[in-house]
Structures are given as C-alpha cells and as structure tokens.
N, C-alpha and C. Protein backbone atom coordinates (compact mmCIF):
# COMPACT_ATOMS: atom_id res chain seq x y z
N MET A 1 -10.17 -45.11 122.84
CA MET A 1 -10.03 -46.16 123.83
C MET A 1 -8.62 -46.74 123.75
N VAL A 2 -8.18 -47.27 124.88
CA VAL A 2 -6.85 -47.85 125.02
C VAL A 2 -7.02 -49.21 125.68
N VAL A 3 -6.11 -50.14 125.37
CA VAL A 3 -6.14 -51.43 126.06
C VAL A 3 -4.81 -51.65 126.77
N LEU A 4 -4.91 -52.22 127.96
CA LEU A 4 -3.74 -52.62 128.73
C LEU A 4 -3.66 -54.14 128.64
N THR A 5 -2.50 -54.65 128.24
CA THR A 5 -2.33 -56.10 128.15
C THR A 5 -1.50 -56.59 129.33
N PHE A 6 -1.65 -57.88 129.63
CA PHE A 6 -1.03 -58.46 130.81
C PHE A 6 -0.37 -59.79 130.47
N TYR A 7 0.52 -60.23 131.34
CA TYR A 7 1.25 -61.48 131.15
C TYR A 7 0.43 -62.71 131.51
N SER A 8 -0.63 -62.52 132.30
CA SER A 8 -1.43 -63.68 132.70
C SER A 8 -2.89 -63.27 132.88
N THR A 9 -3.74 -64.26 132.78
CA THR A 9 -5.18 -64.04 132.99
C THR A 9 -5.43 -63.55 134.42
N HIS A 10 -4.69 -64.11 135.36
CA HIS A 10 -4.84 -63.71 136.77
C HIS A 10 -4.59 -62.21 136.93
N LEU A 11 -3.53 -61.70 136.31
CA LEU A 11 -3.22 -60.27 136.42
C LEU A 11 -4.30 -59.42 135.75
N ALA A 12 -4.82 -59.88 134.63
CA ALA A 12 -5.88 -59.14 133.94
C ALA A 12 -7.14 -59.06 134.81
N LEU A 13 -7.50 -60.17 135.41
CA LEU A 13 -8.68 -60.19 136.29
C LEU A 13 -8.49 -59.29 137.50
N TYR A 14 -7.31 -59.33 138.08
CA TYR A 14 -7.01 -58.50 139.25
C TYR A 14 -7.01 -57.02 138.85
N ALA A 15 -6.47 -56.70 137.69
CA ALA A 15 -6.46 -55.32 137.22
C ALA A 15 -7.88 -54.80 137.04
N GLU A 16 -8.76 -55.63 136.49
CA GLU A 16 -10.15 -55.21 136.33
C GLU A 16 -10.80 -54.94 137.69
N LYS A 17 -10.53 -55.81 138.65
CA LYS A 17 -11.09 -55.64 140.00
C LYS A 17 -10.60 -54.33 140.61
N LEU A 18 -9.31 -54.05 140.51
CA LEU A 18 -8.76 -52.82 141.05
C LEU A 18 -9.35 -51.59 140.36
N ALA A 19 -9.49 -51.67 139.05
CA ALA A 19 -10.04 -50.54 138.29
C ALA A 19 -11.48 -50.25 138.73
N LYS A 20 -12.28 -51.29 138.86
CA LYS A 20 -13.68 -51.10 139.27
C LYS A 20 -13.76 -50.52 140.69
N GLU A 21 -12.93 -51.03 141.59
CA GLU A 21 -12.93 -50.52 142.96
C GLU A 21 -12.53 -49.05 143.01
N ALA A 22 -11.71 -48.61 142.05
CA ALA A 22 -11.26 -47.22 142.00
C ALA A 22 -12.22 -46.33 141.22
N GLY A 23 -13.30 -46.92 140.71
CA GLY A 23 -14.28 -46.13 139.98
C GLY A 23 -13.92 -45.88 138.53
N LEU A 24 -12.95 -46.62 138.00
CA LEU A 24 -12.58 -46.48 136.59
C LEU A 24 -13.55 -47.28 135.72
N LYS A 25 -13.61 -46.93 134.46
CA LYS A 25 -14.54 -47.58 133.55
C LYS A 25 -13.88 -48.72 132.78
N GLY A 26 -12.94 -49.40 133.39
CA GLY A 26 -12.24 -50.50 132.75
C GLY A 26 -13.11 -51.71 132.57
N LYS A 27 -12.92 -52.40 131.43
CA LYS A 27 -13.69 -53.61 131.15
C LYS A 27 -12.79 -54.61 130.44
N LEU A 28 -12.85 -55.87 130.88
CA LEU A 28 -12.06 -56.90 130.23
C LEU A 28 -12.64 -57.26 128.87
N MET A 29 -11.75 -57.56 127.95
CA MET A 29 -12.15 -58.00 126.62
C MET A 29 -11.04 -58.88 126.06
N PRO A 30 -11.34 -59.68 125.02
CA PRO A 30 -10.27 -60.45 124.38
C PRO A 30 -9.26 -59.51 123.73
N VAL A 31 -8.00 -59.88 123.75
CA VAL A 31 -6.97 -59.07 123.10
C VAL A 31 -7.24 -59.06 121.60
N PRO A 32 -7.30 -57.88 120.98
CA PRO A 32 -7.50 -57.83 119.52
C PRO A 32 -6.39 -58.59 118.79
N ARG A 33 -6.73 -59.17 117.68
CA ARG A 33 -5.77 -59.99 116.92
C ARG A 33 -4.53 -59.21 116.50
N GLN A 34 -4.69 -57.90 116.30
CA GLN A 34 -3.56 -57.08 115.86
C GLN A 34 -2.49 -56.93 116.94
N LEU A 35 -2.86 -57.21 118.16
CA LEU A 35 -1.93 -57.10 119.29
C LEU A 35 -1.54 -58.49 119.76
N SER A 36 -0.33 -58.62 120.23
CA SER A 36 0.07 -59.91 120.77
C SER A 36 0.11 -59.83 122.28
N SER A 37 -0.25 -60.92 122.90
CA SER A 37 -0.21 -61.00 124.36
C SER A 37 -0.13 -62.46 124.75
N SER A 38 0.57 -62.73 125.82
CA SER A 38 0.65 -64.10 126.29
C SER A 38 -0.58 -64.50 127.10
N CYS A 39 -1.50 -63.57 127.28
CA CYS A 39 -2.64 -63.81 128.15
C CYS A 39 -3.93 -64.10 127.39
N GLY A 40 -4.33 -63.23 126.51
CA GLY A 40 -5.59 -63.39 125.80
C GLY A 40 -6.67 -62.43 126.27
N LEU A 41 -6.48 -61.81 127.44
CA LEU A 41 -7.41 -60.81 127.95
C LEU A 41 -6.70 -59.47 128.10
N CYS A 42 -7.45 -58.40 127.87
CA CYS A 42 -6.90 -57.07 128.10
C CYS A 42 -7.96 -56.22 128.78
N LEU A 43 -7.53 -55.11 129.33
CA LEU A 43 -8.42 -54.18 130.02
C LEU A 43 -8.60 -52.96 129.13
N ARG A 44 -9.84 -52.73 128.69
CA ARG A 44 -10.16 -51.58 127.84
C ARG A 44 -10.54 -50.41 128.74
N LEU A 45 -9.95 -49.25 128.44
CA LEU A 45 -10.19 -48.05 129.25
C LEU A 45 -10.32 -46.83 128.34
N PRO A 46 -11.07 -45.82 128.78
CA PRO A 46 -11.01 -44.54 128.07
C PRO A 46 -9.59 -43.97 128.22
N GLU A 47 -9.11 -43.34 127.18
CA GLU A 47 -7.74 -42.82 127.19
C GLU A 47 -7.48 -41.89 128.37
N ILE A 48 -8.47 -41.15 128.79
CA ILE A 48 -8.31 -40.19 129.88
C ILE A 48 -8.02 -40.89 131.22
N GLU A 49 -8.36 -42.16 131.35
CA GLU A 49 -8.16 -42.89 132.61
C GLU A 49 -6.86 -43.70 132.66
N VAL A 50 -6.10 -43.71 131.59
CA VAL A 50 -4.92 -44.58 131.51
C VAL A 50 -3.88 -44.24 132.58
N ASP A 51 -3.53 -42.97 132.72
CA ASP A 51 -2.51 -42.60 133.70
C ASP A 51 -2.91 -43.02 135.11
N ARG A 52 -4.16 -42.79 135.45
CA ARG A 52 -4.65 -43.17 136.79
C ARG A 52 -4.61 -44.70 136.96
N ALA A 53 -5.00 -45.42 135.92
CA ALA A 53 -4.99 -46.88 135.99
C ALA A 53 -3.57 -47.41 136.13
N LEU A 54 -2.65 -46.86 135.37
CA LEU A 54 -1.25 -47.31 135.45
C LEU A 54 -0.66 -47.04 136.83
N TYR A 55 -0.97 -45.88 137.39
CA TYR A 55 -0.51 -45.56 138.74
C TYR A 55 -1.07 -46.57 139.74
N LEU A 56 -2.35 -46.82 139.64
CA LEU A 56 -3.02 -47.76 140.55
C LEU A 56 -2.42 -49.16 140.43
N LEU A 57 -2.23 -49.62 139.21
CA LEU A 57 -1.69 -50.96 139.01
C LEU A 57 -0.26 -51.07 139.51
N GLU A 58 0.55 -50.06 139.21
CA GLU A 58 1.95 -50.08 139.65
C GLU A 58 2.04 -50.15 141.18
N HIS A 59 1.21 -49.37 141.85
CA HIS A 59 1.26 -49.32 143.31
C HIS A 59 0.55 -50.51 143.97
N SER A 60 -0.08 -51.34 143.14
CA SER A 60 -0.70 -52.57 143.65
C SER A 60 0.11 -53.80 143.27
N GLY A 61 1.24 -53.59 142.62
CA GLY A 61 2.12 -54.69 142.26
C GLY A 61 1.69 -55.47 141.02
N VAL A 62 0.83 -54.87 140.19
CA VAL A 62 0.37 -55.54 138.97
C VAL A 62 1.24 -55.08 137.80
N GLU A 63 1.99 -56.03 137.23
CA GLU A 63 2.86 -55.70 136.11
C GLU A 63 2.13 -55.96 134.80
N GLY A 64 2.06 -54.93 133.98
CA GLY A 64 1.40 -55.07 132.69
C GLY A 64 2.38 -55.41 131.59
N ASP A 65 1.83 -55.84 130.46
CA ASP A 65 2.62 -56.19 129.29
C ASP A 65 2.76 -55.00 128.35
N GLY A 66 1.74 -54.13 128.30
CA GLY A 66 1.82 -52.97 127.43
C GLY A 66 0.55 -52.16 127.41
N VAL A 67 0.66 -50.97 126.83
CA VAL A 67 -0.46 -50.06 126.64
C VAL A 67 -0.57 -49.82 125.15
N HIS A 68 -1.76 -50.05 124.60
CA HIS A 68 -1.95 -49.96 123.16
C HIS A 68 -3.24 -49.22 122.82
N PRO A 69 -3.22 -48.42 121.76
CA PRO A 69 -4.48 -47.86 121.30
C PRO A 69 -5.35 -49.00 120.78
N LEU A 70 -6.64 -48.91 121.01
CA LEU A 70 -7.56 -49.94 120.54
C LEU A 70 -7.63 -49.87 119.02
N PRO A 71 -7.25 -50.95 118.34
CA PRO A 71 -7.26 -50.93 116.86
C PRO A 71 -8.68 -50.72 116.32
N GLU A 72 -8.76 -50.04 115.18
CA GLU A 72 -10.05 -49.86 114.51
C GLU A 72 -10.53 -51.21 113.99
N ARG A 73 -11.83 -51.37 113.93
CA ARG A 73 -12.40 -52.64 113.44
C ARG A 73 -12.38 -52.70 111.95
C-alpha cells in the first residue's frame, strides 16, 4: 500500500472524492506518525493504482505533498 499526502484537508477530501468517482480503491486515513504532513489526512491506495491516481489528480488540479510507502506497524 502507498499513501498520498496533501497540503490541506480540503485537497485530501477532494482527492478521495475523485478517486472514488474513478473507481479507485482509495481511502482516507490519518497520516502515519513516521510521515510528516501539514494536513493530517492521507489517501491510502494499492500500489498498482498510484500512477492512475496521480494522473487523475494532476489533471484535476489537485497538488499533492508526496507519495510514500505505507510504513509497517
């Protein structure tokens, strides 16, 4: 799994909405402590969907903060 982080809660919520509308399996979750983010929410996705999600977000004007592997618990 991979997480996409965002600069604001608004962008994270919008990214989740876009992902769901596109049929992606994205789900919002709190940003893991090991990662830093100015927002607090991230979008968790299967690694296979990341490229499609990034394309979708870029073409929808959603700027992300980063792409990170989901840290082990």
